[in-house]
């Protein structure tokens, strides 16, 4: 699973999140089966992705700071 994004610094955080997040795994399953989202479900998923993106950004910044110590 990591091979598609192993070149970016956030890859380990992305892979770890997807492995444990039911919402993301369900999204992958639905997309692979061609299921279309309702606008309400899409809004929930978009909100989730924005929160995850912010959390990963913070984790990367923390990692950078720790490496400089």
PDB file of N, CA and C in Angstrom:
ATOM      1  N   UNK A   1       0.816  -1.192   0.000  1.00  0.00           N
ATOM      2  CA  UNK A   1       0.000   0.000   0.000  1.00  0.00           C
ATOM      3  C   UNK A   1       0.860   1.257   0.000  1.00  0.00           C
ATOM      4  N   UNK A   2       2.027   1.213   0.604  1.00  0.00           N
ATOM      5  CA  UNK A   2       2.834   2.411   0.734  1.00  0.00           C
ATOM      6  C   UNK A   2       3.568   2.766  -0.554  1.00  0.00           C
ATOM      7  N   UNK A   3       3.694   1.866  -1.493  1.00  0.00           N
ATOM      8  CA  UNK A   3       4.493   2.125  -2.685  1.00  0.00           C
ATOM      9  C   UNK A   3       3.976   3.285  -3.520  1.00  0.00           C
ATOM     10  N   UNK A   4       2.681   3.550  -3.516  1.00  0.00           N
ATOM     11  CA  UNK A   4       2.142   4.629  -4.345  1.00  0.00           C
ATOM     12  C   UNK A   4       2.523   6.001  -3.841  1.00  0.00           C
ATOM     13  N   UNK A   5       2.919   6.121  -2.585  1.00  0.00           N
ATOM     14  CA  UNK A   5       3.223   7.444  -2.040  1.00  0.00           C
ATOM     15  C   UNK A   5       4.468   7.455  -1.173  1.00  0.00           C
ATOM     16  N   UNK A   6       5.349   6.495  -1.350  1.00  0.00           N
ATOM     17  CA  UNK A   6       6.494   6.391  -0.451  1.00  0.00           C
ATOM     18  C   UNK A   6       7.491   7.526  -0.617  1.00  0.00           C
ATOM     19  N   UNK A   7       7.372   8.327  -1.665  1.00  0.00           N
ATOM     20  CA  UNK A   7       8.307   9.417  -1.876  1.00  0.00           C
ATOM     21  C   UNK A   7       7.992  10.678  -1.099  1.00  0.00           C
ATOM     22  N   UNK A   8       6.822  10.763  -0.483  1.00  0.00           N
ATOM     23  CA  UNK A   8       6.477  11.986   0.239  1.00  0.00           C
ATOM     24  C   UNK A   8       6.658  11.768   1.741  1.00  0.00           C
ATOM     25  N   UNK A   9       7.040  12.824   2.457  1.00  0.00           N
ATOM     26  CA  UNK A   9       7.306  12.676   3.893  1.00  0.00           C
ATOM     27  C   UNK A   9       6.103  12.212   4.713  1.00  0.00           C
ATOM     28  N   UNK A  10       4.902  12.503   4.257  1.00  0.00           N
ATOM     29  CA  UNK A  10       3.701  12.161   5.025  1.00  0.00           C
ATOM     30  C   UNK A  10       3.229  10.738   4.788  1.00  0.00           C
ATOM     31  N   UNK A  11       3.917   9.978   3.942  1.00  0.00           N
ATOM     32  CA  UNK A  11       3.404   8.664   3.550  1.00  0.00           C
ATOM     33  C   UNK A  11       3.131   7.741   4.729  1.00  0.00           C
ATOM     34  N   UNK A  12       4.016   7.726   5.727  1.00  0.00           N
ATOM     35  CA  UNK A  12       3.786   6.813   6.850  1.00  0.00           C
ATOM     36  C   UNK A  12       2.551   7.215   7.651  1.00  0.00           C
ATOM     37  N   UNK A  13       2.274   8.515   7.722  1.00  0.00           N
ATOM     38  CA  UNK A  13       1.087   8.978   8.431  1.00  0.00           C
ATOM     39  C   UNK A  13      -0.187   8.682   7.640  1.00  0.00           C
ATOM     40  N   UNK A  14      -0.116   8.832   6.339  1.00  0.00           N
ATOM     41  CA  UNK A  14      -1.271   8.555   5.478  1.00  0.00           C
ATOM     42  C   UNK A  14      -1.628   7.078   5.545  1.00  0.00           C
ATOM     43  N   UNK A  15      -0.630   6.230   5.385  1.00  0.00           N
ATOM     44  CA  UNK A  15      -0.858   4.785   5.411  1.00  0.00           C
ATOM     45  C   UNK A  15      -1.398   4.349   6.770  1.00  0.00           C
ATOM     46  N   UNK A  16      -0.817   4.862   7.842  1.00  0.00           N
ATOM     47  CA  UNK A  16      -1.283   4.498   9.188  1.00  0.00           C
ATOM     48  C   UNK A  16      -2.726   4.929   9.402  1.00  0.00           C
ATOM     49  N   UNK A  17      -3.074   6.113   8.918  1.00  0.00           N
ATOM     50  CA  UNK A  17      -4.443   6.595   9.089  1.00  0.00           C
ATOM     51  C   UNK A  17      -5.435   5.721   8.328  1.00  0.00           C
ATOM     52  N   UNK A  18      -5.141   5.456   7.072  1.00  0.00           N
ATOM     53  CA  UNK A  18      -6.071   4.673   6.245  1.00  0.00           C
ATOM     54  C   UNK A  18      -6.260   3.274   6.817  1.00  0.00           C
ATOM     55  N   UNK A  19      -5.199   2.686   7.365  1.00  0.00           N
ATOM     56  CA  UNK A  19      -5.300   1.336   7.926  1.00  0.00           C
ATOM     57  C   UNK A  19      -6.242   1.270   9.120  1.00  0.00           C
ATOM     58  N   UNK A  20      -6.325   2.366   9.895  1.00  0.00           N
ATOM     59  CA  UNK A  20      -7.152   2.301  11.106  1.00  0.00           C
ATOM     60  C   UNK A  20      -8.472   3.055  11.010  1.00  0.00           C
ATOM     61  N   UNK A  21      -8.711   3.769   9.923  1.00  0.00           N
ATOM     62  CA  UNK A  21      -9.901   4.613   9.816  1.00  0.00           C
ATOM     63  C   UNK A  21     -11.002   3.924   9.006  1.00  0.00           C
ATOM     64  N   UNK A  22     -12.109   3.642   9.663  1.00  0.00           N
ATOM     65  CA  UNK A  22     -13.229   2.992   8.975  1.00  0.00           C
ATOM     66  C   UNK A  22     -13.817   3.869   7.883  1.00  0.00           C
ATOM     67  N   UNK A  23     -13.889   5.167   8.112  1.00  0.00           N
ATOM     68  CA  UNK A  23     -14.456   6.075   7.115  1.00  0.00           C
ATOM     69  C   UNK A  23     -13.635   6.043   5.827  1.00  0.00           C
ATOM     70  N   UNK A  24     -12.321   6.078   5.951  1.00  0.00           N
ATOM     71  CA  UNK A  24     -11.456   6.054   4.767  1.00  0.00           C
ATOM     72  C   UNK A  24     -11.508   4.698   4.059  1.00  0.00           C
ATOM     73  N   UNK A  25     -11.539   3.623   4.833  1.00  0.00           N
ATOM     74  CA  UNK A  25     -11.617   2.295   4.208  1.00  0.00           C
ATOM     75  C   UNK A  25     -12.948   2.114   3.494  1.00  0.00           C
ATOM     76  N   UNK A  26     -14.034   2.584   4.101  1.00  0.00           N
ATOM     77  CA  UNK A  26     -15.340   2.509   3.440  1.00  0.00           C
ATOM     78  C   UNK A  26     -15.356   3.356   2.178  1.00  0.00           C
ATOM     79  N   UNK A  27     -14.718   4.518   2.230  1.00  0.00           N
ATOM     80  CA  UNK A  27     -14.631   5.378   1.052  1.00  0.00           C
ATOM     81  C   UNK A  27     -13.906   4.651  -0.083  1.00  0.00           C
ATOM     82  N   UNK A  28     -12.770   4.047   0.221  1.00  0.00           N
ATOM     83  CA  UNK A  28     -12.024   3.306  -0.802  1.00  0.00           C
ATOM     84  C   UNK A  28     -12.871   2.193  -1.403  1.00  0.00           C
ATOM     85  N   UNK A  29     -13.586   1.483  -0.552  1.00  0.00           N
ATOM     86  CA  UNK A  29     -14.437   0.393  -1.017  1.00  0.00           C
ATOM     87  C   UNK A  29     -15.547   0.910  -1.933  1.00  0.00           C
ATOM     88  N   UNK A  30     -16.193   2.001  -1.524  1.00  0.00           N
ATOM     89  CA  UNK A  30     -17.292   2.548  -2.323  1.00  0.00           C
ATOM     90  C   UNK A  30     -16.804   3.084  -3.657  1.00  0.00           C
ATOM     91  N   UNK A  31     -15.675   3.767  -3.649  1.00  0.00           N
ATOM     92  CA  UNK A  31     -15.124   4.304  -4.897  1.00  0.00           C
ATOM     93  C   UNK A  31     -14.748   3.166  -5.840  1.00  0.00           C
ATOM     94  N   UNK A  32     -14.152   2.110  -5.309  1.00  0.00           N
ATOM     95  CA  UNK A  32     -13.754   0.993  -6.167  1.00  0.00           C
ATOM     96  C   UNK A  32     -14.957   0.269  -6.766  1.00  0.00           C
ATOM     97  N   UNK A  33     -16.115   0.364  -6.116  1.00  0.00           N
ATOM     98  CA  UNK A  33     -17.335  -0.247  -6.645  1.00  0.00           C
ATOM     99  C   UNK A  33     -18.171   0.727  -7.460  1.00  0.00           C
ATOM    100  N   UNK A  34     -17.712   1.957  -7.602  1.00  0.00           N
ATOM    101  CA  UNK A  34     -18.417   2.939  -8.422  1.00  0.00           C
ATOM    102  C   UNK A  34     -19.628   3.572  -7.765  1.00  0.00           C
ATOM    103  N   UNK A  35     -19.705   3.513  -6.446  1.00  0.00           N
ATOM    104  CA  UNK A  35     -20.828   4.114  -5.722  1.00  0.00           C
ATOM    105  C   UNK A  35     -20.650   5.630  -5.703  1.00  0.00           C
ATOM    106  N   UNK A  36     -21.717   6.354  -6.001  1.00  0.00           N
ATOM    107  CA  UNK A  36     -21.658   7.812  -5.964  1.00  0.00           C
ATOM    108  C   UNK A  36     -22.148   8.308  -4.611  1.00  0.00           C
ATOM    109  N   UNK A  37     -21.472   9.307  -4.100  1.00  0.00           N
ATOM    110  CA  UNK A  37     -21.839   9.895  -2.820  1.00  0.00           C
ATOM    111  C   UNK A  37     -23.004  10.859  -2.976  1.00  0.00           C
ATOM    112  N   UNK A  38     -23.829  10.928  -1.939  1.00  0.00           N
ATOM    113  CA  UNK A  38     -24.823  12.000  -1.867  1.00  0.00           C
ATOM    114  C   UNK A  38     -24.059  13.249  -1.412  1.00  0.00           C
ATOM    115  N   UNK A  39     -24.571  14.431  -1.694  1.00  0.00           N
ATOM    116  CA  UNK A  39     -23.870  15.643  -1.248  1.00  0.00           C
ATOM    117  C   UNK A  39     -23.629  15.678   0.268  1.00  0.00           C
ATOM    118  N   UNK A  40     -24.567  15.138   1.036  1.00  0.00           N
ATOM    119  CA  UNK A  40     -24.418  15.129   2.494  1.00  0.00           C
ATOM    120  C   UNK A  40     -23.253  14.228   2.923  1.00  0.00           C
ATOM    121  N   UNK A  41     -23.159  13.022   2.336  1.00  0.00           N
ATOM    122  CA  UNK A  41     -22.062  12.113   2.663  1.00  0.00           C
ATOM    123  C   UNK A  41     -20.726  12.680   2.188  1.00  0.00           C
ATOM    124  N   UNK A  42     -20.742  13.322   1.039  1.00  0.00           N
ATOM    125  CA  UNK A  42     -19.521  13.922   0.507  1.00  0.00           C
ATOM    126  C   UNK A  42     -19.021  15.031   1.434  1.00  0.00           C
ATOM    127  N   UNK A  43     -19.925  15.825   1.963  1.00  0.00           N
ATOM    128  CA  UNK A  43     -19.543  16.901   2.889  1.00  0.00           C
ATOM    129  C   UNK A  43     -18.901  16.335   4.155  1.00  0.00           C
ATOM    130  N   UNK A  44     -19.425  15.222   4.650  1.00  0.00           N
ATOM    131  CA  UNK A  44     -18.853  14.578   5.840  1.00  0.00           C
ATOM    132  C   UNK A  44     -17.437  14.094   5.541  1.00  0.00           C
ATOM    133  N   UNK A  45     -17.259  13.472   4.382  1.00  0.00           N
ATOM    134  CA  UNK A  45     -15.939  12.952   4.033  1.00  0.00           C
ATOM    135  C   UNK A  45     -14.939  14.088   3.807  1.00  0.00           C
ATOM    136  N   UNK A  46     -15.372  15.158   3.164  1.00  0.00           N
ATOM    137  CA  UNK A  46     -14.491  16.306   2.929  1.00  0.00           C
ATOM    138  C   UNK A  46     -14.039  16.913   4.259  1.00  0.00           C
ATOM    139  N   UNK A  47     -14.956  17.041   5.201  1.00  0.00           N
ATOM    140  CA  UNK A  47     -14.615  17.575   6.521  1.00  0.00           C
ATOM    141  C   UNK A  47     -13.585  16.675   7.209  1.00  0.00           C
ATOM    142  N   UNK A  48     -13.770  15.371   7.077  1.00  0.00           N
ATOM    143  CA  UNK A  48     -12.848  14.401   7.662  1.00  0.00           C
ATOM    144  C   UNK A  48     -11.456  14.533   7.039  1.00  0.00           C
ATOM    145  N   UNK A  49     -11.392  14.629   5.733  1.00  0.00           N
ATOM    146  CA  UNK A  49     -10.109  14.737   5.038  1.00  0.00           C
ATOM    147  C   UNK A  49      -9.374  16.009   5.460  1.00  0.00           C
ATOM    148  N   UNK A  50     -10.103  17.101   5.591  1.00  0.00           N
ATOM    149  CA  UNK A  50      -9.464  18.357   6.026  1.00  0.00           C
ATOM    150  C   UNK A  50      -8.879  18.223   7.427  1.00  0.00           C
ATOM    151  N   UNK A  51      -9.586  17.558   8.312  1.00  0.00           N
ATOM    152  CA  UNK A  51      -9.092  17.358   9.678  1.00  0.00           C
ATOM    153  C   UNK A  51      -7.858  16.454   9.688  1.00  0.00           C
ATOM    154  N   UNK A  52      -7.895  15.406   8.886  1.00  0.00           N
ATOM    155  CA  UNK A  52      -6.759  14.482   8.807  1.00  0.00           C
ATOM    156  C   UNK A  52      -5.546  15.191   8.213  1.00  0.00           C
ATOM    157  N   UNK A  53      -5.777  15.982   7.189  1.00  0.00           N
ATOM    158  CA  UNK A  53      -4.685  16.725   6.551  1.00  0.00           C
ATOM    159  C   UNK A  53      -4.011  17.654   7.565  1.00  0.00           C
ATOM    160  N   UNK A  54      -4.801  18.335   8.374  1.00  0.00           N
ATOM    161  CA  UNK A  54      -4.255  19.231   9.398  1.00  0.00           C
ATOM    162  C   UNK A  54      -3.461  18.448  10.448  1.00  0.00           C
ATOM    163  N   UNK A  55      -3.971  17.303  10.845  1.00  0.00           N
ATOM    164  CA  UNK A  55      -3.284  16.488  11.847  1.00  0.00           C
ATOM    165  C   UNK A  55      -1.953  15.962  11.313  1.00  0.00           C
ATOM    166  N   UNK A  56      -1.928  15.556  10.056  1.00  0.00           N
ATOM    167  CA  UNK A  56      -0.689  15.064   9.452  1.00  0.00           C
ATOM    168  C   UNK A  56       0.321  16.197   9.320  1.00  0.00           C
ATOM    169  N   UNK A  57      -0.159  17.381   8.963  1.00  0.00           N
ATOM    170  CA  UNK A  57       0.738  18.536   8.856  1.00  0.00           C
ATOM    171  C   UNK A  57       1.395  18.822  10.208  1.00  0.00           C
ATOM    172  N   UNK A  58       0.612  18.781  11.276  1.00  0.00           N
ATOM    173  CA  UNK A  58       1.167  18.996  12.617  1.00  0.00           C
ATOM    174  C   UNK A  58       2.170  17.906  12.994  1.00  0.00           C
ATOM    175  N   UNK A  59       1.868  16.671  12.643  1.00  0.00           N
ATOM    176  CA  UNK A  59       2.776  15.565  12.946  1.00  0.00           C
ATOM    177  C   UNK A  59       4.103  15.735  12.212  1.00  0.00           C
ATOM    178  N   UNK A  60       4.049  16.192  10.976  1.00  0.00           N
ATOM    179  CA  UNK A  60       5.277  16.424  10.212  1.00  0.00           C
ATOM    180  C   UNK A  60       6.098  17.559  10.817  1.00  0.00           C
ATOM    181  N   UNK A  61       5.423  18.612  11.246  1.00  0.00           N
ATOM    182  CA  UNK A  61       6.130  19.727  11.883  1.00  0.00           C
ATOM    183  C   UNK A  61       6.776  19.278  13.191  1.00  0.00           C
ATOM    184  N   UNK A  62       6.070  18.476  13.970  1.00  0.00           N
ATOM    185  CA  UNK A  62       6.628  17.946  15.218  1.00  0.00           C
ATOM    186  C   UNK A  62       7.848  17.075  14.937  1.00  0.00           C
ATOM    187  N   UNK A  63       7.752  16.259  13.901  1.00  0.00           N
ATOM    188  CA  UNK A  63       8.857  15.381  13.532  1.00  0.00           C
ATOM    189  C   UNK A  63      10.086  16.200  13.137  1.00  0.00           C
ATOM    190  N   UNK A  64       9.870  17.279  12.383  1.00  0.00           N
ATOM    191  CA  UNK A  64      10.972  18.157  11.983  1.00  0.00           C
ATOM    192  C   UNK A  64      11.656  18.768  13.198  1.00  0.00           C
ATOM    193  N   UNK A  65      10.856  19.255  14.133  1.00  0.00           N
ATOM    194  CA  UNK A  65      11.409  19.878  15.340  1.00  0.00           C
ATOM    195  C   UNK A  65      12.223  18.862  16.135  1.00  0.00           C
ATOM    196  N   UNK A  66      11.709  17.662  16.282  1.00  0.00           N
ATOM    197  CA  UNK A  66      12.416  16.633  17.046  1.00  0.00           C
ATOM    198  C   UNK A  66      13.724  16.229  16.380  1.00  0.00           C
ATOM    199  N   UNK A  67      13.757  16.235  15.056  1.00  0.00           N
ATOM    200  CA  UNK A  67      14.985  15.873  14.348  1.00  0.00           C
ATOM    201  C   UNK A  67      16.061  16.937  14.518  1.00  0.00           C
ATOM    202  N   UNK A  68      15.645  18.183  14.711  1.00  0.00           N
ATOM    203  CA  UNK A  68      16.609  19.273  14.865  1.00  0.00           C
ATOM    204  C   UNK A  68      17.220  19.314  16.263  1.00  0.00           C
ATOM    205  N   UNK A  69      16.597  18.635  17.210  1.00  0.00           N
ATOM    206  CA  UNK A  69      17.116  18.647  18.590  1.00  0.00           C
ATOM    207  C   UNK A  69      18.345  17.784  18.734  1.00  0.00           C
TER     208      UNK A  69
END
